[in-house]
Amino acid sequence: MNNMKVYSLLGLCQKAGKLASGEFAVLNAIKGGSASYVLISEDASDNTKKKFRDKCEYYGVPMSFFGDMESLGRAIGKEVRTSIAIMDNGFAKTLQKNLDDLQDGGNANVEN
C-alpha cells in the first residue's frame, strides 16, 4: 500500500465533484453537514490543525492528517492545499480504508 492510492482517490473525488478544498470551503462543508471525511496536510500550522480537529470533533466528522500541502494540491489539480473535505460516503469509506492501511505501515495519522 502506498500514498499514491490516496492521491489517486482524491483526484477521482475532484473529478466527480465530491470534494471541497481550501479552509473556507472545508469549514463550510463541515458546518453544513456535507463533509464525510476531512484531510489536513501534515505540514499545516498547529493553529490550523487545532481549528480543524476541534470543528471535526464538534460536528462528528472523521479526519486525518496526511501528506503535504503541495502533494494534496497536485493530487486535485490545484495549487497548494492544506485542507480537503470528501463529500461522498463511498469515497470517504474507501479513503479511510486506504489511510488505515497506511497507518498500519506508519504513514498516516488517522483521528476519529
N, C-alpha and C. Protein backbone atom coordinates (compact mmCIF):
# COMPACT_ATOMS: atom_id res chain seq x y z
N MET A 1 0.86 -1.19 0.00
CA MET A 1 0.00 0.00 0.00
C MET A 1 0.90 1.24 0.00
N ASN A 2 0.58 2.19 -0.85
CA ASN A 2 1.38 3.41 -0.84
C ASN A 2 0.50 4.65 -0.94
N ASN A 3 1.12 5.79 -0.76
CA ASN A 3 0.42 7.07 -0.76
C ASN A 3 -0.29 7.35 -2.08
N MET A 4 0.20 6.79 -3.18
CA MET A 4 -0.37 7.09 -4.49
C MET A 4 -1.84 6.71 -4.59
N LYS A 5 -2.24 5.65 -3.89
CA LYS A 5 -3.65 5.26 -3.91
C LYS A 5 -4.52 6.37 -3.32
N VAL A 6 -4.05 6.97 -2.26
CA VAL A 6 -4.80 8.06 -1.62
C VAL A 6 -4.87 9.26 -2.55
N TYR A 7 -3.74 9.64 -3.14
CA TYR A 7 -3.72 10.79 -4.04
C TYR A 7 -4.60 10.54 -5.28
N SER A 8 -4.57 9.33 -5.81
CA SER A 8 -5.42 8.98 -6.96
C SER A 8 -6.89 9.10 -6.60
N LEU A 9 -7.24 8.62 -5.41
CA LEU A 9 -8.62 8.70 -4.96
C LEU A 9 -9.07 10.15 -4.82
N LEU A 10 -8.18 11.00 -4.32
CA LEU A 10 -8.51 12.43 -4.20
C LEU A 10 -8.76 13.04 -5.57
N GLY A 11 -7.96 12.65 -6.56
CA GLY A 11 -8.17 13.13 -7.92
C GLY A 11 -9.52 12.68 -8.47
N LEU A 12 -9.91 11.44 -8.20
CA LEU A 12 -11.22 10.93 -8.63
C LEU A 12 -12.35 11.71 -7.96
N CYS A 13 -12.20 11.99 -6.67
CA CYS A 13 -13.21 12.77 -5.94
C CYS A 13 -13.37 14.15 -6.57
N GLN A 14 -12.26 14.77 -6.91
CA GLN A 14 -12.29 16.10 -7.52
C GLN A 14 -13.04 16.05 -8.85
N LYS A 15 -12.69 15.06 -9.69
CA LYS A 15 -13.34 14.93 -11.00
C LYS A 15 -14.84 14.67 -10.85
N ALA A 16 -15.22 13.94 -9.81
CA ALA A 16 -16.62 13.60 -9.58
C ALA A 16 -17.38 14.76 -8.92
N GLY A 17 -16.67 15.81 -8.55
CA GLY A 17 -17.32 16.95 -7.89
C GLY A 17 -17.72 16.67 -6.46
N LYS A 18 -17.03 15.74 -5.82
CA LYS A 18 -17.36 15.34 -4.45
C LYS A 18 -16.30 15.76 -3.45
N LEU A 19 -15.65 16.89 -3.75
CA LEU A 19 -14.53 17.32 -2.92
C LEU A 19 -14.58 18.85 -2.74
N ALA A 20 -14.30 19.30 -1.53
CA ALA A 20 -14.14 20.73 -1.28
C ALA A 20 -12.71 20.92 -0.79
N SER A 21 -12.08 22.01 -1.22
CA SER A 21 -10.71 22.25 -0.76
C SER A 21 -10.53 23.71 -0.42
N GLY A 22 -9.58 23.96 0.46
CA GLY A 22 -9.36 25.31 0.95
C GLY A 22 -10.09 25.49 2.27
N GLU A 23 -9.52 26.30 3.15
CA GLU A 23 -10.03 26.44 4.51
C GLU A 23 -11.51 26.83 4.56
N PHE A 24 -11.89 27.87 3.83
CA PHE A 24 -13.26 28.37 3.88
C PHE A 24 -14.26 27.32 3.41
N ALA A 25 -13.99 26.70 2.26
CA ALA A 25 -14.90 25.70 1.68
C ALA A 25 -15.01 24.47 2.57
N VAL A 26 -13.89 24.04 3.16
CA VAL A 26 -13.90 22.85 4.00
C VAL A 26 -14.66 23.13 5.31
N LEU A 27 -14.42 24.29 5.92
CA LEU A 27 -15.16 24.63 7.14
C LEU A 27 -16.66 24.70 6.86
N ASN A 28 -17.05 25.27 5.72
CA ASN A 28 -18.48 25.31 5.36
C ASN A 28 -19.05 23.92 5.17
N ALA A 29 -18.27 23.02 4.55
CA ALA A 29 -18.73 21.64 4.34
C ALA A 29 -18.91 20.92 5.68
N ILE A 30 -18.01 21.17 6.62
CA ILE A 30 -18.12 20.56 7.95
C ILE A 30 -19.36 21.09 8.66
N LYS A 31 -19.50 22.40 8.71
CA LYS A 31 -20.64 23.02 9.41
C LYS A 31 -21.96 22.69 8.74
N GLY A 32 -21.95 22.60 7.41
CA GLY A 32 -23.17 22.33 6.67
C GLY A 32 -23.58 20.87 6.63
N GLY A 33 -22.73 20.00 7.16
CA GLY A 33 -23.06 18.58 7.23
C GLY A 33 -22.78 17.80 5.95
N SER A 34 -22.13 18.43 4.97
CA SER A 34 -21.87 17.71 3.72
C SER A 34 -20.52 17.01 3.70
N ALA A 35 -19.65 17.29 4.68
CA ALA A 35 -18.33 16.65 4.73
C ALA A 35 -18.46 15.26 5.35
N SER A 36 -17.99 14.24 4.62
CA SER A 36 -17.98 12.86 5.13
C SER A 36 -16.63 12.52 5.75
N TYR A 37 -15.59 13.21 5.29
CA TYR A 37 -14.22 12.94 5.78
C TYR A 37 -13.37 14.17 5.47
N VAL A 38 -12.47 14.50 6.38
CA VAL A 38 -11.61 15.67 6.19
C VAL A 38 -10.15 15.24 6.26
N LEU A 39 -9.36 15.76 5.32
CA LEU A 39 -7.90 15.53 5.30
C LEU A 39 -7.21 16.87 5.51
N ILE A 40 -6.25 16.89 6.41
CA ILE A 40 -5.44 18.08 6.67
C ILE A 40 -3.98 17.69 6.42
N SER A 41 -3.25 18.56 5.73
CA SER A 41 -1.85 18.24 5.44
C SER A 41 -1.05 18.20 6.74
N GLU A 42 -0.08 17.31 6.76
CA GLU A 42 0.75 17.16 7.96
C GLU A 42 1.63 18.38 8.21
N ASP A 43 1.88 19.17 7.15
CA ASP A 43 2.71 20.36 7.34
C ASP A 43 1.88 21.63 7.55
N ALA A 44 0.60 21.47 7.87
CA ALA A 44 -0.24 22.62 8.23
C ALA A 44 0.24 23.18 9.57
N SER A 45 -0.07 24.44 9.82
CA SER A 45 0.33 25.04 11.09
C SER A 45 -0.43 24.38 12.25
N ASP A 46 0.14 24.47 13.44
CA ASP A 46 -0.51 23.90 14.62
C ASP A 46 -1.89 24.53 14.84
N ASN A 47 -1.99 25.82 14.57
CA ASN A 47 -3.26 26.53 14.72
C ASN A 47 -4.31 25.97 13.77
N THR A 48 -3.92 25.74 12.51
CA THR A 48 -4.84 25.18 11.52
C THR A 48 -5.25 23.77 11.92
N LYS A 49 -4.30 22.96 12.35
CA LYS A 49 -4.61 21.59 12.77
C LYS A 49 -5.61 21.60 13.92
N LYS A 50 -5.39 22.48 14.89
CA LYS A 50 -6.28 22.56 16.05
C LYS A 50 -7.68 23.00 15.62
N LYS A 51 -7.74 24.00 14.75
CA LYS A 51 -9.04 24.51 14.29
C LYS A 51 -9.86 23.40 13.65
N PHE A 52 -9.24 22.64 12.73
CA PHE A 52 -9.98 21.58 12.05
C PHE A 52 -10.27 20.40 12.97
N ARG A 53 -9.33 20.07 13.85
CA ARG A 53 -9.56 18.97 14.80
C ARG A 53 -10.79 19.31 15.66
N ASP A 54 -10.84 20.55 16.17
CA ASP A 54 -11.96 20.97 17.02
C ASP A 54 -13.28 20.95 16.26
N LYS A 55 -13.28 21.49 15.04
CA LYS A 55 -14.51 21.53 14.24
C LYS A 55 -15.00 20.12 13.90
N CYS A 56 -14.07 19.26 13.47
CA CYS A 56 -14.45 17.89 13.11
C CYS A 56 -14.98 17.14 14.32
N GLU A 57 -14.34 17.34 15.46
CA GLU A 57 -14.77 16.68 16.68
C GLU A 57 -16.19 17.14 17.05
N TYR A 58 -16.42 18.45 16.99
CA TYR A 58 -17.70 19.02 17.36
C TYR A 58 -18.83 18.53 16.45
N TYR A 59 -18.56 18.47 15.14
CA TYR A 59 -19.58 18.08 14.17
C TYR A 59 -19.57 16.58 13.86
N GLY A 60 -18.68 15.82 14.51
CA GLY A 60 -18.64 14.37 14.33
C GLY A 60 -18.17 13.92 12.96
N VAL A 61 -17.21 14.65 12.38
CA VAL A 61 -16.67 14.29 11.07
C VAL A 61 -15.29 13.66 11.27
N PRO A 62 -15.09 12.43 10.77
CA PRO A 62 -13.76 11.81 10.89
C PRO A 62 -12.73 12.60 10.09
N MET A 63 -11.50 12.62 10.59
CA MET A 63 -10.44 13.36 9.90
C MET A 63 -9.11 12.67 10.06
N SER A 64 -8.18 13.04 9.18
CA SER A 64 -6.82 12.52 9.23
C SER A 64 -5.85 13.61 8.86
N PHE A 65 -4.62 13.45 9.32
CA PHE A 65 -3.52 14.29 8.86
C PHE A 65 -2.75 13.43 7.88
N PHE A 66 -2.56 13.95 6.66
CA PHE A 66 -1.92 13.15 5.63
C PHE A 66 -1.22 14.03 4.61
N GLY A 67 -0.06 13.59 4.18
CA GLY A 67 0.64 14.25 3.07
C GLY A 67 1.11 15.66 3.38
N ASP A 68 1.50 16.36 2.33
CA ASP A 68 1.93 17.75 2.48
C ASP A 68 1.08 18.62 1.56
N MET A 69 1.11 19.92 1.81
CA MET A 69 0.26 20.87 1.07
C MET A 69 0.43 20.75 -0.44
N GLU A 70 1.68 20.65 -0.87
CA GLU A 70 1.95 20.59 -2.31
C GLU A 70 1.38 19.33 -2.95
N SER A 71 1.58 18.19 -2.30
CA SER A 71 1.09 16.92 -2.85
C SER A 71 -0.43 16.87 -2.87
N LEU A 72 -1.07 17.38 -1.83
CA LEU A 72 -2.53 17.39 -1.79
C LEU A 72 -3.08 18.26 -2.92
N GLY A 73 -2.48 19.44 -3.10
CA GLY A 73 -2.91 20.33 -4.17
C GLY A 73 -2.72 19.69 -5.54
N ARG A 74 -1.55 19.10 -5.74
CA ARG A 74 -1.24 18.47 -7.03
C ARG A 74 -2.22 17.33 -7.33
N ALA A 75 -2.59 16.57 -6.30
CA ALA A 75 -3.49 15.43 -6.48
C ALA A 75 -4.85 15.85 -7.02
N ILE A 76 -5.28 17.07 -6.70
CA ILE A 76 -6.60 17.53 -7.15
C ILE A 76 -6.49 18.59 -8.25
N GLY A 77 -5.29 18.77 -8.78
CA GLY A 77 -5.10 19.70 -9.88
C GLY A 77 -5.19 21.16 -9.49
N LYS A 78 -4.78 21.47 -8.27
CA LYS A 78 -4.85 22.85 -7.78
C LYS A 78 -3.49 23.28 -7.23
N GLU A 79 -3.45 24.52 -6.74
CA GLU A 79 -2.26 24.99 -6.04
C GLU A 79 -2.19 24.27 -4.69
N VAL A 80 -1.27 24.67 -3.84
CA VAL A 80 -1.13 24.02 -2.53
C VAL A 80 -2.47 24.03 -1.79
N ARG A 81 -2.75 22.94 -1.10
CA ARG A 81 -3.97 22.81 -0.31
C ARG A 81 -3.64 22.24 1.06
N THR A 82 -4.13 22.91 2.09
CA THR A 82 -3.92 22.46 3.46
C THR A 82 -5.07 21.58 3.92
N SER A 83 -6.28 21.85 3.40
CA SER A 83 -7.46 21.11 3.86
C SER A 83 -8.32 20.66 2.69
N ILE A 84 -8.85 19.44 2.83
CA ILE A 84 -9.72 18.85 1.83
C ILE A 84 -10.86 18.14 2.54
N ALA A 85 -12.08 18.33 2.03
CA ALA A 85 -13.24 17.61 2.56
C ALA A 85 -13.78 16.70 1.46
N ILE A 86 -14.01 15.44 1.81
CA ILE A 86 -14.64 14.49 0.90
C ILE A 86 -16.14 14.55 1.20
N MET A 87 -16.94 14.76 0.16
CA MET A 87 -18.37 14.93 0.37
C MET A 87 -19.19 13.80 -0.25
N ASP A 88 -18.71 12.58 -0.05
CA ASP A 88 -19.39 11.39 -0.55
C ASP A 88 -19.03 10.23 0.38
N ASN A 89 -20.04 9.53 0.89
CA ASN A 89 -19.77 8.46 1.85
C ASN A 89 -18.95 7.32 1.27
N GLY A 90 -19.20 6.96 0.01
CA GLY A 90 -18.46 5.87 -0.63
C GLY A 90 -16.98 6.21 -0.76
N PHE A 91 -16.69 7.41 -1.29
CA PHE A 91 -15.30 7.85 -1.40
C PHE A 91 -14.66 7.94 -0.01
N ALA A 92 -15.43 8.45 0.96
CA ALA A 92 -14.89 8.62 2.32
C ALA A 92 -14.49 7.28 2.93
N LYS A 93 -15.34 6.27 2.75
CA LYS A 93 -15.04 4.94 3.31
C LYS A 93 -13.80 4.35 2.66
N THR A 94 -13.70 4.49 1.33
CA THR A 94 -12.53 3.97 0.62
C THR A 94 -11.27 4.71 1.07
N LEU A 95 -11.37 6.02 1.19
CA LEU A 95 -10.23 6.82 1.65
C LEU A 95 -9.81 6.40 3.05
N GLN A 96 -10.78 6.25 3.93
CA GLN A 96 -10.47 5.86 5.31
C GLN A 96 -9.80 4.49 5.36
N LYS A 97 -10.27 3.56 4.53
CA LYS A 97 -9.66 2.23 4.49
C LYS A 97 -8.21 2.32 4.02
N ASN A 98 -7.97 3.10 2.95
CA ASN A 98 -6.60 3.26 2.46
C ASN A 98 -5.71 3.93 3.50
N LEU A 99 -6.24 4.92 4.21
CA LEU A 99 -5.45 5.59 5.25
C LEU A 99 -5.19 4.65 6.43
N ASP A 100 -6.17 3.82 6.77
CA ASP A 100 -5.97 2.84 7.84
C ASP A 100 -4.86 1.87 7.46
N ASP A 101 -4.86 1.42 6.18
CA ASP A 101 -3.81 0.52 5.71
C ASP A 101 -2.44 1.20 5.80
N LEU A 102 -2.40 2.50 5.43
CA LEU A 102 -1.14 3.25 5.51
C LEU A 102 -0.70 3.39 6.96
N GLN A 103 -1.66 3.65 7.83
CA GLN A 103 -1.33 3.84 9.24
C GLN A 103 -0.70 2.57 9.81
N ASP A 104 -1.23 1.43 9.38
CA ASP A 104 -0.64 0.16 9.81
C ASP A 104 0.82 0.09 9.39
N GLY A 105 1.14 0.78 8.28
CA GLY A 105 2.52 0.86 7.80
C GLY A 105 3.24 2.05 8.37
N GLY A 106 2.53 2.90 9.13
CA GLY A 106 3.15 4.04 9.81
C GLY A 106 3.22 5.33 9.02
N ASN A 107 2.37 5.51 7.97
CA ASN A 107 2.49 6.70 7.14
C ASN A 107 1.37 7.72 7.26
N ALA A 108 0.35 7.45 8.05
CA ALA A 108 -0.76 8.39 8.17
C ALA A 108 -1.20 8.50 9.62
N ASN A 109 -1.70 9.65 9.98
CA ASN A 109 -2.17 9.90 11.33
C ASN A 109 -3.69 10.06 11.26
N VAL A 110 -4.44 8.99 11.59
CA VAL A 110 -5.89 8.99 11.46
C VAL A 110 -6.54 9.27 12.81
N GLU A 111 -7.51 10.19 12.81
CA GLU A 111 -8.25 10.50 14.02
C GLU A 111 -9.73 10.31 13.76
N ASN A 112 -10.44 9.80 14.76
CA ASN A 112 -11.90 9.64 14.63
C ASN A 112 -12.60 10.23 15.82
